[in-house]
Full PDB file with SEQRES, HELIX, SHEET, SSBOND, CRYST1, ORIGX, SCALE, CONECT and MASTER records, all heavy atoms in Angstrom:
SEQRES   1 A   43  THR PHE ILE ALA ARG GLY ALA HIS LEU ASP ALA ILE ARG          
SEQRES   2 A   43  ARG ASN GLY LEU GLN VAL ASN SER VAL ALA GLY ASP PHE          
SEQRES   3 A   43  HIS VAL ARG PRO LYS ALA THR ALA ASP PRO ALA MET ILE          
SEQRES   4 A   43  GLY PRO VAL GLU                                              
HELIX    1 AA1 GLY A    6  ASN A   15  1                                  10    
HELIX    2 AA2 PRO A   36  MET A   38  5                                   3    
SHEET    1 AA1 2 PHE A   2  ILE A   3  0                                        
SHEET    2 AA1 2 ALA A  32  THR A  33  1                                        
SHEET    1 AA2 2 LEU A  17  VAL A  19  0                                        
SHEET    2 AA2 2 PHE A  26  VAL A  28 -1                                        
CRYST1    1.000    1.000    1.000  90.00  90.00  90.00 P 1           1          
ORIGX1      1.000000  0.000000  0.000000        0.00000                         
ORIGX2      0.000000  1.000000  0.000000        0.00000                         
ORIGX3      0.000000  0.000000  1.000000        0.00000                         
SCALE1      1.000000  0.000000  0.000000        0.00000                         
SCALE2      0.000000  1.000000  0.000000        0.00000                         
SCALE3      0.000000  0.000000  1.000000        0.00000                         
ATOM      1  N   THR A   1      21.558  -5.045  -1.529  1.00  0.00           N  
ATOM      2  CA  THR A   1      21.000  -3.883  -2.314  1.00  0.00           C  
ATOM      3  C   THR A   1      19.840  -4.276  -3.090  1.00  0.00           C  
ATOM      4  O   THR A   1      19.741  -5.387  -3.754  1.00  0.00           O  
ATOM      5  CB  THR A   1      22.168  -3.458  -3.350  1.00  0.00           C  
ATOM      6  OG1 THR A   1      23.337  -3.144  -2.686  1.00  0.00           O  
ATOM      7  CG2 THR A   1      21.614  -2.223  -4.160  1.00  0.00           C  
ATOM      8  N   PHE A   2      18.784  -3.536  -2.941  1.00  0.00           N  
ATOM      9  CA  PHE A   2      17.514  -3.823  -3.607  1.00  0.00           C  
ATOM     10  C   PHE A   2      17.437  -3.068  -4.964  1.00  0.00           C  
ATOM     11  O   PHE A   2      17.799  -1.955  -5.053  1.00  0.00           O  
ATOM     12  CB  PHE A   2      16.351  -3.286  -2.710  1.00  0.00           C  
ATOM     13  CG  PHE A   2      16.114  -4.209  -1.521  1.00  0.00           C  
ATOM     14  CD1 PHE A   2      16.795  -3.977  -0.340  1.00  0.00           C  
ATOM     15  CD2 PHE A   2      15.282  -5.284  -1.573  1.00  0.00           C  
ATOM     16  CE1 PHE A   2      16.669  -4.747   0.758  1.00  0.00           C  
ATOM     17  CE2 PHE A   2      15.123  -6.074  -0.497  1.00  0.00           C  
ATOM     18  CZ  PHE A   2      15.722  -5.843   0.677  1.00  0.00           C  
ATOM     19  N   ILE A   3      16.938  -3.783  -5.932  1.00  0.00           N  
ATOM     20  CA  ILE A   3      16.640  -3.190  -7.238  1.00  0.00           C  
ATOM     21  C   ILE A   3      15.195  -3.010  -7.340  1.00  0.00           C  
ATOM     22  O   ILE A   3      14.369  -3.993  -7.242  1.00  0.00           O  
ATOM     23  CB  ILE A   3      17.230  -4.093  -8.351  1.00  0.00           C  
ATOM     24  CG1 ILE A   3      18.723  -4.297  -8.200  1.00  0.00           C  
ATOM     25  CG2 ILE A   3      16.878  -3.465  -9.733  1.00  0.00           C  
ATOM     26  CD1 ILE A   3      19.250  -5.461  -8.939  1.00  0.00           C  
ATOM     27  N   ALA A   4      14.707  -1.757  -7.446  1.00  0.00           N  
ATOM     28  CA  ALA A   4      13.244  -1.472  -7.459  1.00  0.00           C  
ATOM     29  C   ALA A   4      13.090  -0.399  -8.455  1.00  0.00           C  
ATOM     30  O   ALA A   4      14.028   0.006  -9.079  1.00  0.00           O  
ATOM     31  CB  ALA A   4      12.870  -1.050  -6.017  1.00  0.00           C  
ATOM     32  N   ARG A   5      11.795   0.088  -8.548  1.00  0.00           N  
ATOM     33  CA  ARG A   5      11.499   1.225  -9.445  1.00  0.00           C  
ATOM     34  C   ARG A   5      10.364   2.047  -8.889  1.00  0.00           C  
ATOM     35  O   ARG A   5       9.685   1.599  -7.981  1.00  0.00           O  
ATOM     36  CB  ARG A   5      11.169   0.615 -10.797  1.00  0.00           C  
ATOM     37  CG  ARG A   5       9.975  -0.352 -10.815  1.00  0.00           C  
ATOM     38  CD  ARG A   5       9.786  -1.003 -12.143  1.00  0.00           C  
ATOM     39  NE  ARG A   5       8.811  -1.993 -12.006  1.00  0.00           N  
ATOM     40  CZ  ARG A   5       8.530  -2.946 -12.842  1.00  0.00           C  
ATOM     41  NH1 ARG A   5       9.264  -2.963 -13.991  1.00  0.00           N  
ATOM     42  NH2 ARG A   5       7.552  -3.877 -12.661  1.00  0.00           N  
ATOM     43  N   GLY A   6      10.221   3.223  -9.498  1.00  0.00           N  
ATOM     44  CA  GLY A   6       9.069   4.036  -9.133  1.00  0.00           C  
ATOM     45  C   GLY A   6       9.002   4.490  -7.678  1.00  0.00           C  
ATOM     46  O   GLY A   6       9.982   4.688  -7.010  1.00  0.00           O  
ATOM     47  N   ALA A   7       7.699   4.552  -7.288  1.00  0.00           N  
ATOM     48  CA  ALA A   7       7.451   5.067  -5.887  1.00  0.00           C  
ATOM     49  C   ALA A   7       8.004   4.110  -4.810  1.00  0.00           C  
ATOM     50  O   ALA A   7       8.374   4.541  -3.777  1.00  0.00           O  
ATOM     51  CB  ALA A   7       5.940   5.258  -5.734  1.00  0.00           C  
ATOM     52  N   HIS A   8       8.067   2.856  -5.159  1.00  0.00           N  
ATOM     53  CA  HIS A   8       8.664   1.837  -4.160  1.00  0.00           C  
ATOM     54  C   HIS A   8      10.102   2.173  -3.990  1.00  0.00           C  
ATOM     55  O   HIS A   8      10.585   2.184  -2.784  1.00  0.00           O  
ATOM     56  CB  HIS A   8       8.468   0.412  -4.719  1.00  0.00           C  
ATOM     57  CG  HIS A   8       8.676  -0.675  -3.700  1.00  0.00           C  
ATOM     58  ND1 HIS A   8       8.170  -0.653  -2.420  1.00  0.00           N  
ATOM     59  CD2 HIS A   8       9.426  -1.810  -3.881  1.00  0.00           C  
ATOM     60  CE1 HIS A   8       8.568  -1.737  -1.827  1.00  0.00           C  
ATOM     61  NE2 HIS A   8       9.303  -2.440  -2.661  1.00  0.00           N  
ATOM     62  N   LEU A   9      10.867   2.387  -5.076  1.00  0.00           N  
ATOM     63  CA  LEU A   9      12.274   2.747  -4.995  1.00  0.00           C  
ATOM     64  C   LEU A   9      12.485   4.029  -4.168  1.00  0.00           C  
ATOM     65  O   LEU A   9      13.309   4.146  -3.294  1.00  0.00           O  
ATOM     66  CB  LEU A   9      12.934   2.871  -6.341  1.00  0.00           C  
ATOM     67  CG  LEU A   9      14.304   3.352  -6.429  1.00  0.00           C  
ATOM     68  CD1 LEU A   9      15.295   2.507  -5.642  1.00  0.00           C  
ATOM     69  CD2 LEU A   9      14.784   3.537  -7.832  1.00  0.00           C  
ATOM     70  N   ASP A  10      11.715   5.049  -4.470  1.00  0.00           N  
ATOM     71  CA  ASP A  10      11.779   6.363  -3.870  1.00  0.00           C  
ATOM     72  C   ASP A  10      11.546   6.153  -2.369  1.00  0.00           C  
ATOM     73  O   ASP A  10      12.267   6.784  -1.567  1.00  0.00           O  
ATOM     74  CB  ASP A  10      10.731   7.294  -4.471  1.00  0.00           C  
ATOM     75  CG  ASP A  10      11.039   7.752  -5.915  1.00  0.00           C  
ATOM     76  OD1 ASP A  10      12.224   7.512  -6.278  1.00  0.00           O  
ATOM     77  OD2 ASP A  10      10.175   8.175  -6.534  1.00  0.00           O  
ATOM     78  N   ALA A  11      10.554   5.388  -1.957  1.00  0.00           N  
ATOM     79  CA  ALA A  11      10.209   5.194  -0.565  1.00  0.00           C  
ATOM     80  C   ALA A  11      11.382   4.473   0.175  1.00  0.00           C  
ATOM     81  O   ALA A  11      11.740   4.826   1.330  1.00  0.00           O  
ATOM     82  CB  ALA A  11       8.916   4.439  -0.433  1.00  0.00           C  
ATOM     83  N   ILE A  12      11.930   3.452  -0.493  1.00  0.00           N  
ATOM     84  CA  ILE A  12      13.054   2.741   0.201  1.00  0.00           C  
ATOM     85  C   ILE A  12      14.245   3.656   0.373  1.00  0.00           C  
ATOM     86  O   ILE A  12      14.852   3.675   1.449  1.00  0.00           O  
ATOM     87  CB  ILE A  12      13.466   1.454  -0.629  1.00  0.00           C  
ATOM     88  CG1 ILE A  12      12.265   0.456  -0.655  1.00  0.00           C  
ATOM     89  CG2 ILE A  12      14.737   0.830  -0.067  1.00  0.00           C  
ATOM     90  CD1 ILE A  12      12.479  -0.691  -1.603  1.00  0.00           C  
ATOM     91  N   ARG A  13      14.546   4.440  -0.659  1.00  0.00           N  
ATOM     92  CA  ARG A  13      15.688   5.398  -0.474  1.00  0.00           C  
ATOM     93  C   ARG A  13      15.412   6.381   0.582  1.00  0.00           C  
ATOM     94  O   ARG A  13      16.304   6.780   1.333  1.00  0.00           O  
ATOM     95  CB  ARG A  13      15.854   6.038  -1.811  1.00  0.00           C  
ATOM     96  CG  ARG A  13      16.579   5.241  -2.875  1.00  0.00           C  
ATOM     97  CD  ARG A  13      16.770   5.993  -4.179  1.00  0.00           C  
ATOM     98  NE  ARG A  13      17.693   5.372  -5.088  1.00  0.00           N  
ATOM     99  CZ  ARG A  13      17.749   5.681  -6.375  1.00  0.00           C  
ATOM    100  NH1 ARG A  13      16.882   6.600  -6.896  1.00  0.00           N  
ATOM    101  NH2 ARG A  13      18.569   5.028  -7.143  1.00  0.00           N  
ATOM    102  N   ARG A  14      14.194   6.862   0.676  1.00  0.00           N  
ATOM    103  CA  ARG A  14      13.894   7.924   1.614  1.00  0.00           C  
ATOM    104  C   ARG A  14      13.695   7.466   3.128  1.00  0.00           C  
ATOM    105  O   ARG A  14      14.184   8.043   3.993  1.00  0.00           O  
ATOM    106  CB  ARG A  14      12.613   8.677   1.130  1.00  0.00           C  
ATOM    107  CG  ARG A  14      12.267   9.904   1.961  1.00  0.00           C  
ATOM    108  CD  ARG A  14      11.043  10.649   1.330  1.00  0.00           C  
ATOM    109  NE  ARG A  14       9.853   9.816   1.087  1.00  0.00           N  
ATOM    110  CZ  ARG A  14       9.407   9.383  -0.115  1.00  0.00           C  
ATOM    111  NH1 ARG A  14      10.074   9.692  -1.212  1.00  0.00           N  
ATOM    112  NH2 ARG A  14       8.350   8.594  -0.240  1.00  0.00           N  
ATOM    113  N   ASN A  15      12.904   6.310   3.177  1.00  0.00           N  
ATOM    114  CA  ASN A  15      12.513   5.904   4.581  1.00  0.00           C  
ATOM    115  C   ASN A  15      13.019   4.506   4.897  1.00  0.00           C  
ATOM    116  O   ASN A  15      12.764   4.056   6.093  1.00  0.00           O  
ATOM    117  CB  ASN A  15      10.963   5.913   4.697  1.00  0.00           C  
ATOM    118  CG  ASN A  15      10.349   7.254   4.361  1.00  0.00           C  
ATOM    119  OD1 ASN A  15      10.873   8.296   4.802  1.00  0.00           O  
ATOM    120  ND2 ASN A  15       9.278   7.234   3.555  1.00  0.00           N  
ATOM    121  N   GLY A  16      13.728   3.780   4.064  1.00  0.00           N  
ATOM    122  CA  GLY A  16      14.071   2.442   4.256  1.00  0.00           C  
ATOM    123  C   GLY A  16      12.943   1.465   3.883  1.00  0.00           C  
ATOM    124  O   GLY A  16      11.914   1.915   3.335  1.00  0.00           O  
ATOM    125  N   LEU A  17      13.067   0.229   4.275  1.00  0.00           N  
ATOM    126  CA  LEU A  17      12.076  -0.773   3.909  1.00  0.00           C  
ATOM    127  C   LEU A  17      11.503  -1.227   5.207  1.00  0.00           C  
ATOM    128  O   LEU A  17      12.166  -1.716   6.135  1.00  0.00           O  
ATOM    129  CB  LEU A  17      12.763  -1.917   3.204  1.00  0.00           C  
ATOM    130  CG  LEU A  17      11.811  -3.090   2.760  1.00  0.00           C  
ATOM    131  CD1 LEU A  17      10.890  -2.593   1.637  1.00  0.00           C  
ATOM    132  CD2 LEU A  17      12.638  -4.296   2.349  1.00  0.00           C  
ATOM    133  N   GLN A  18      10.170  -1.127   5.367  1.00  0.00           N  
ATOM    134  CA  GLN A  18       9.418  -1.607   6.515  1.00  0.00           C  
ATOM    135  C   GLN A  18       8.774  -2.936   6.096  1.00  0.00           C  
ATOM    136  O   GLN A  18       8.066  -3.028   5.070  1.00  0.00           O  
ATOM    137  CB  GLN A  18       8.327  -0.554   6.874  1.00  0.00           C  
ATOM    138  CG  GLN A  18       7.412  -1.034   7.993  1.00  0.00           C  
ATOM    139  CD  GLN A  18       8.064  -1.188   9.366  1.00  0.00           C  
ATOM    140  OE1 GLN A  18       8.940  -0.362   9.675  1.00  0.00           O  
ATOM    141  NE2 GLN A  18       7.763  -2.153  10.122  1.00  0.00           N  
ATOM    142  N   VAL A  19       8.982  -3.916   6.968  1.00  0.00           N  
ATOM    143  CA  VAL A  19       8.402  -5.214   6.782  1.00  0.00           C  
ATOM    144  C   VAL A  19       7.492  -5.496   7.894  1.00  0.00           C  
ATOM    145  O   VAL A  19       7.856  -5.580   9.060  1.00  0.00           O  
ATOM    146  CB  VAL A  19       9.340  -6.350   6.644  1.00  0.00           C  
ATOM    147  CG1 VAL A  19       8.681  -7.741   6.424  1.00  0.00           C  
ATOM    148  CG2 VAL A  19      10.304  -6.114   5.454  1.00  0.00           C  
ATOM    149  N   ASN A  20       6.155  -5.566   7.621  1.00  0.00           N  
ATOM    150  CA  ASN A  20       5.114  -5.976   8.601  1.00  0.00           C  
ATOM    151  C   ASN A  20       4.780  -7.373   8.428  1.00  0.00           C  
ATOM    152  O   ASN A  20       4.270  -7.840   7.389  1.00  0.00           O  
ATOM    153  CB  ASN A  20       3.894  -5.061   8.447  1.00  0.00           C  
ATOM    154  CG  ASN A  20       4.236  -3.591   8.636  1.00  0.00           C  
ATOM    155  OD1 ASN A  20       5.094  -3.237   9.430  1.00  0.00           O  
ATOM    156  ND2 ASN A  20       3.544  -2.791   7.862  1.00  0.00           N  
ATOM    157  N   SER A  21       5.086  -8.189   9.480  1.00  0.00           N  
ATOM    158  CA  SER A  21       4.980  -9.653   9.358  1.00  0.00           C  
ATOM    159  C   SER A  21       4.214 -10.255  10.507  1.00  0.00           C  
ATOM    160  O   SER A  21       4.295  -9.675  11.607  1.00  0.00           O  
ATOM    161  CB  SER A  21       6.361 -10.320   9.264  1.00  0.00           C  
ATOM    162  OG  SER A  21       6.323 -11.701   9.361  1.00  0.00           O  
ATOM    163  N   VAL A  22       3.534 -11.349  10.272  1.00  0.00           N  
ATOM    164  CA  VAL A  22       2.818 -12.036  11.347  1.00  0.00           C  
ATOM    165  C   VAL A  22       3.887 -12.613  12.306  1.00  0.00           C  
ATOM    166  O   VAL A  22       3.552 -12.923  13.555  1.00  0.00           O  
ATOM    167  CB  VAL A  22       1.956 -13.208  10.858  1.00  0.00           C  
ATOM    168  CG1 VAL A  22       0.736 -12.691  10.023  1.00  0.00           C  
ATOM    169  CG2 VAL A  22       2.769 -14.193  10.019  1.00  0.00           C  
ATOM    170  N   ALA A  23       5.112 -12.662  11.946  1.00  0.00           N  
ATOM    171  CA  ALA A  23       6.175 -13.233  12.820  1.00  0.00           C  
ATOM    172  C   ALA A  23       6.935 -12.095  13.522  1.00  0.00           C  
ATOM    173  O   ALA A  23       7.831 -12.329  14.326  1.00  0.00           O  
ATOM    174  CB  ALA A  23       7.214 -14.063  12.018  1.00  0.00           C  
ATOM    175  N   GLY A  24       6.471 -10.855  13.233  1.00  0.00           N  
ATOM    176  CA  GLY A  24       7.126  -9.670  13.890  1.00  0.00           C  
ATOM    177  C   GLY A  24       7.643  -8.690  12.791  1.00  0.00           C  
ATOM    178  O   GLY A  24       8.209  -9.133  11.840  1.00  0.00           O  
ATOM    179  N   ASP A  25       7.429  -7.430  13.133  1.00  0.00           N  
ATOM    180  CA  ASP A  25       7.734  -6.410  12.167  1.00  0.00           C  
ATOM    181  C   ASP A  25       9.267  -5.972  12.300  1.00  0.00           C  
ATOM    182  O   ASP A  25       9.861  -6.236  13.366  1.00  0.00           O  
ATOM    183  CB  ASP A  25       7.000  -5.174  12.424  1.00  0.00           C  
ATOM    184  CG  ASP A  25       5.473  -5.424  12.333  1.00  0.00           C  
ATOM    185  OD1 ASP A  25       5.065  -6.440  11.796  1.00  0.00           O  
ATOM    186  OD2 ASP A  25       4.702  -4.581  12.885  1.00  0.00           O  
ATOM    187  N   PHE A  26       9.816  -5.479  11.270  1.00  0.00           N  
ATOM    188  CA  PHE A  26      11.201  -4.933  11.299  1.00  0.00           C  
ATOM    189  C   PHE A  26      11.360  -3.899  10.225  1.00  0.00           C  
ATOM    190  O   PHE A  26      10.644  -3.823   9.289  1.00  0.00           O  
ATOM    191  CB  PHE A  26      12.241  -6.128  11.190  1.00  0.00           C  
ATOM    192  CG  PHE A  26      12.231  -6.879   9.896  1.00  0.00           C  
ATOM    193  CD1 PHE A  26      13.036  -6.460   8.781  1.00  0.00           C  
ATOM    194  CD2 PHE A  26      11.450  -7.957   9.726  1.00  0.00           C  
ATOM    195  CE1 PHE A  26      13.083  -7.145   7.602  1.00  0.00           C  
ATOM    196  CE2 PHE A  26      11.477  -8.671   8.597  1.00  0.00           C  
ATOM    197  CZ  PHE A  26      12.266  -8.293   7.531  1.00  0.00           C  
ATOM    198  N   HIS A  27      12.437  -3.116  10.412  1.00  0.00           N  
ATOM    199  CA  HIS A  27      12.730  -2.010   9.483  1.00  0.00           C  
ATOM    200  C   HIS A  27      14.204  -2.052   9.187  1.00  0.00           C  
ATOM    201  O   HIS A  27      14.982  -2.219  10.070  1.00  0.00           O  
ATOM    202  CB  HIS A  27      12.341  -0.664  10.140  1.00  0.00           C  
ATOM    203  CG  HIS A  27      12.600   0.511   9.356  1.00  0.00           C  
ATOM    204  ND1 HIS A  27      13.740   1.211   9.424  1.00  0.00           N  
ATOM    205  CD2 HIS A  27      11.831   1.128   8.343  1.00  0.00           C  
ATOM    206  CE1 HIS A  27      13.714   2.316   8.524  1.00  0.00           C  
ATOM    207  NE2 HIS A  27      12.567   2.178   7.885  1.00  0.00           N  
ATOM    208  N   VAL A  28      14.496  -1.838   7.921  1.00  0.00           N  
ATOM    209  CA  VAL A  28      15.937  -1.806   7.515  1.00  0.00           C  
ATOM    210  C   VAL A  28      16.100  -0.595   6.577  1.00  0.00           C  
ATOM    211  O   VAL A  28      15.218  -0.103   5.965  1.00  0.00           O  
ATOM    212  CB  VAL A  28      16.368  -3.093   6.726  1.00  0.00           C  
ATOM    213  CG1 VAL A  28      16.418  -4.247   7.723  1.00  0.00           C  
ATOM    214  CG2 VAL A  28      15.528  -3.359   5.562  1.00  0.00           C  
ATOM    215  N   ARG A  29      17.441  -0.148   6.517  1.00  0.00           N  
ATOM    216  CA  ARG A  29      17.712   0.986   5.652  1.00  0.00           C  
ATOM    217  C   ARG A  29      18.773   0.465   4.637  1.00  0.00           C  
ATOM    218  O   ARG A  29      19.926   0.783   4.758  1.00  0.00           O  
ATOM    219  CB  ARG A  29      18.178   2.151   6.459  1.00  0.00           C  
ATOM    220  CG  ARG A  29      17.139   2.874   7.204  1.00  0.00           C  
ATOM    221  CD  ARG A  29      17.574   4.249   7.637  1.00  0.00           C  
ATOM    222  NE  ARG A  29      16.454   5.077   8.060  1.00  0.00           N  
ATOM    223  CZ  ARG A  29      15.668   5.787   7.304  1.00  0.00           C  
ATOM    224  NH1 ARG A  29      15.947   5.851   5.942  1.00  0.00           N  
ATOM    225  NH2 ARG A  29      14.668   6.481   7.782  1.00  0.00           N  
ATOM    226  N   PRO A  30      18.360  -0.323   3.655  1.00  0.00           N  
ATOM    227  CA  PRO A  30      19.293  -0.886   2.694  1.00  0.00           C  
ATOM    228  C   PRO A  30      19.623   0.080   1.547  1.00  0.00           C  
ATOM    229  O   PRO A  30      18.948   1.155   1.356  1.00  0.00           O  
ATOM    230  CB  PRO A  30      18.478  -2.066   2.150  1.00  0.00           C  
ATOM    231  CG  PRO A  30      17.093  -1.578   2.160  1.00  0.00           C  
ATOM    232  CD  PRO A  30      16.961  -0.789   3.362  1.00  0.00           C  
ATOM    233  N   LYS A  31      20.609  -0.282   0.788  1.00  0.00           N  
ATOM    234  CA  LYS A  31      20.932   0.431  -0.399  1.00  0.00           C  
ATOM    235  C   LYS A  31      19.825   0.013  -1.437  1.00  0.00           C  
ATOM    236  O   LYS A  31      19.347  -1.099  -1.440  1.00  0.00           O  
ATOM    237  CB  LYS A  31      22.312   0.049  -0.964  1.00  0.00           C  
ATOM    238  CG  LYS A  31      23.418   0.481  -0.026  1.00  0.00           C  
ATOM    239  CD  LYS A  31      24.738  -0.099  -0.529  1.00  0.00           C  
ATOM    240  CE  LYS A  31      24.833  -1.535  -0.087  1.00  0.00           C  
ATOM    241  NZ  LYS A  31      26.115  -2.148  -0.290  1.00  0.00           N  
ATOM    242  N   ALA A  32      19.484   0.955  -2.345  1.00  0.00           N  
ATOM    243  CA  ALA A  32      18.491   0.608  -3.371  1.00  0.00           C  
ATOM    244  C   ALA A  32      18.803   1.466  -4.649  1.00  0.00           C  
ATOM    245  O   ALA A  32      19.301   2.568  -4.547  1.00  0.00           O  
ATOM    246  CB  ALA A  32      17.136   0.977  -2.838  1.00  0.00           C  
ATOM    247  N   THR A  33      18.573   0.779  -5.733  1.00  0.00           N  
ATOM    248  CA  THR A  33      18.777   1.406  -7.063  1.00  0.00           C  
ATOM    249  C   THR A  33      17.744   0.816  -8.101  1.00  0.00           C  
ATOM    250  O   THR A  33      17.265  -0.226  -7.894  1.00  0.00           O  
ATOM    251  CB  THR A  33      20.249   1.171  -7.521  1.00  0.00           C  
ATOM    252  OG1 THR A  33      20.518   1.839  -8.757  1.00  0.00           O  
ATOM    253  CG2 THR A  33      20.540  -0.329  -7.653  1.00  0.00           C  
ATOM    254  N   ALA A  34      17.703   1.595  -9.199  1.00  0.00           N  
ATOM    255  CA  ALA A  34      16.954   1.014 -10.318  1.00  0.00           C  
ATOM    256  C   ALA A  34      17.855   0.403 -11.344  1.00  0.00           C  
ATOM    257  O   ALA A  34      17.341  -0.283 -12.229  1.00  0.00           O  
ATOM    258  CB  ALA A  34      16.142   2.117 -10.981  1.00  0.00           C  
ATOM    259  N   ASP A  35      19.132   0.525 -11.203  1.00  0.00           N  
ATOM    260  CA  ASP A  35      20.080   0.148 -12.195  1.00  0.00           C  
ATOM    261  C   ASP A  35      21.053  -0.912 -11.670  1.00  0.00           C  
ATOM    262  O   ASP A  35      21.996  -0.582 -10.888  1.00  0.00           O  
ATOM    263  CB  ASP A  35      20.887   1.333 -12.734  1.00  0.00           C  
ATOM    264  CG  ASP A  35      21.802   1.048 -13.801  1.00  0.00           C  
ATOM    265  OD1 ASP A  35      21.851  -0.169 -14.322  1.00  0.00           O  
ATOM    266  OD2 ASP A  35      22.549   1.933 -14.216  1.00  0.00           O  
ATOM    267  N   PRO A  36      20.882  -2.188 -12.100  1.00  0.00           N  
ATOM    268  CA  PRO A  36      21.835  -3.224 -11.623  1.00  0.00           C  
ATOM    269  C   PRO A  36      23.283  -2.950 -11.887  1.00  0.00           C  
ATOM    270  O   PRO A  36      24.145  -3.336 -11.149  1.00  0.00           O  
ATOM    271  CB  PRO A  36      21.398  -4.512 -12.375  1.00  0.00           C  
ATOM    272  CG  PRO A  36      19.945  -4.206 -12.727  1.00  0.00           C  
ATOM    273  CD  PRO A  36      19.893  -2.768 -12.896  1.00  0.00           C  
ATOM    274  N   ALA A  37      23.588  -2.219 -12.946  1.00  0.00           N  
ATOM    275  CA  ALA A  37      25.030  -1.907 -13.349  1.00  0.00           C  
ATOM    276  C   ALA A  37      25.659  -1.039 -12.273  1.00  0.00           C  
ATOM    277  O   ALA A  37      26.934  -1.013 -12.154  1.00  0.00           O  
ATOM    278  CB  ALA A  37      24.991  -1.152 -14.704  1.00  0.00           C  
ATOM    279  N   MET A  38      24.962  -0.334 -11.396  1.00  0.00           N  
ATOM    280  CA  MET A  38      25.439   0.457 -10.408  1.00  0.00           C  
ATOM    281  C   MET A  38      25.960  -0.362  -9.206  1.00  0.00           C  
ATOM    282  O   MET A  38      26.750   0.100  -8.376  1.00  0.00           O  
ATOM    283  CB  MET A  38      24.377   1.461  -9.872  1.00  0.00           C  
ATOM    284  CG  MET A  38      23.849   2.428 -10.918  1.00  0.00           C  
ATOM    285  SD  MET A  38      25.093   3.594 -11.552  1.00  0.00           S  
ATOM    286  CE  MET A  38      25.484   4.515 -10.002  1.00  0.00           C  
ATOM    287  N   ILE A  39      25.584  -1.660  -9.194  1.00  0.00           N  
ATOM    288  CA  ILE A  39      26.002  -2.539  -8.116  1.00  0.00           C  
ATOM    289  C   ILE A  39      27.259  -3.306  -8.375  1.00  0.00           C  
ATOM    290  O   ILE A  39      28.146  -3.395  -7.644  1.00  0.00           O  
ATOM    291  CB  ILE A  39      24.858  -3.545  -7.709  1.00  0.00           C  
ATOM    292  CG1 ILE A  39      23.600  -2.752  -7.423  1.00  0.00           C  
ATOM    293  CG2 ILE A  39      25.225  -4.418  -6.535  1.00  0.00           C  
ATOM    294  CD1 ILE A  39      22.319  -3.628  -7.367  1.00  0.00           C  
ATOM    295  N   GLY A  40      27.346  -3.884  -9.585  1.00  0.00           N  
ATOM    296  CA  GLY A  40      28.463  -4.731  -9.940  1.00  0.00           C  
ATOM    297  C   GLY A  40      28.255  -6.167  -9.517  1.00  0.00           C  
ATOM    298  O   GLY A  40      27.213  -6.516  -8.926  1.00  0.00           O  
ATOM    299  N   PRO A  41      29.280  -7.066  -9.707  1.00  0.00           N  
ATOM    300  CA  PRO A  41      29.096  -8.477  -9.364  1.00  0.00           C  
ATOM    301  C   PRO A  41      28.863  -8.649  -7.901  1.00  0.00           C  
ATOM    302  O   PRO A  41      29.490  -8.039  -7.033  1.00  0.00           O  
ATOM    303  CB  PRO A  41      30.430  -9.047  -9.834  1.00  0.00           C  
ATOM    304  CG  PRO A  41      30.858  -8.183 -10.938  1.00  0.00           C  
ATOM    305  CD  PRO A  41      30.427  -6.734 -10.497  1.00  0.00           C  
ATOM    306  N   VAL A  42      27.969  -9.627  -7.557  1.00  0.00           N  
ATOM    307  CA  VAL A  42      27.604  -9.987  -6.153  1.00  0.00           C  
ATOM    308  C   VAL A  42      27.789 -11.524  -6.061  1.00  0.00           C  
ATOM    309  O   VAL A  42      27.934 -12.224  -7.028  1.00  0.00           O  
ATOM    310  CB  VAL A  42      26.246  -9.565  -5.854  1.00  0.00           C  
ATOM    311  CG1 VAL A  42      26.089  -7.986  -5.872  1.00  0.00           C  
ATOM    312  CG2 VAL A  42      25.150 -10.208  -6.762  1.00  0.00           C  
ATOM    313  N   GLU A  43      27.717 -11.949  -4.789  1.00  0.00           N  
ATOM    314  CA  GLU A  43      27.788 -13.358  -4.537  1.00  0.00           C  
ATOM    315  C   GLU A  43      26.429 -14.074  -4.810  1.00  0.00           C  
ATOM    316  O   GLU A  43      26.438 -15.228  -5.262  1.00  0.00           O  
ATOM    317  CB  GLU A  43      28.212 -13.650  -3.121  1.00  0.00           C  
ATOM    318  CG  GLU A  43      29.612 -13.185  -2.822  1.00  0.00           C  
ATOM    319  CD  GLU A  43      29.950 -13.206  -1.332  1.00  0.00           C  
ATOM    320  OE1 GLU A  43      30.063 -14.322  -0.769  1.00  0.00           O  
ATOM    321  OE2 GLU A  43      29.958 -12.170  -0.730  1.00  0.00           O  
TER     322      GLU A  43                                                      
MASTER        0    0    0    2    4    0    0    6  321    1    0    4          
END                                                                             
């Protein structure tokens, strides 16, 4: 789960996260929030 804010958070929620890399591009559709309390304890 990604913790983000503003337009970046909105874009991840709407379209997922696009990573353009010299090693190869990929796209994921992760969970995203502005509030860590919405996630709870993690490993």
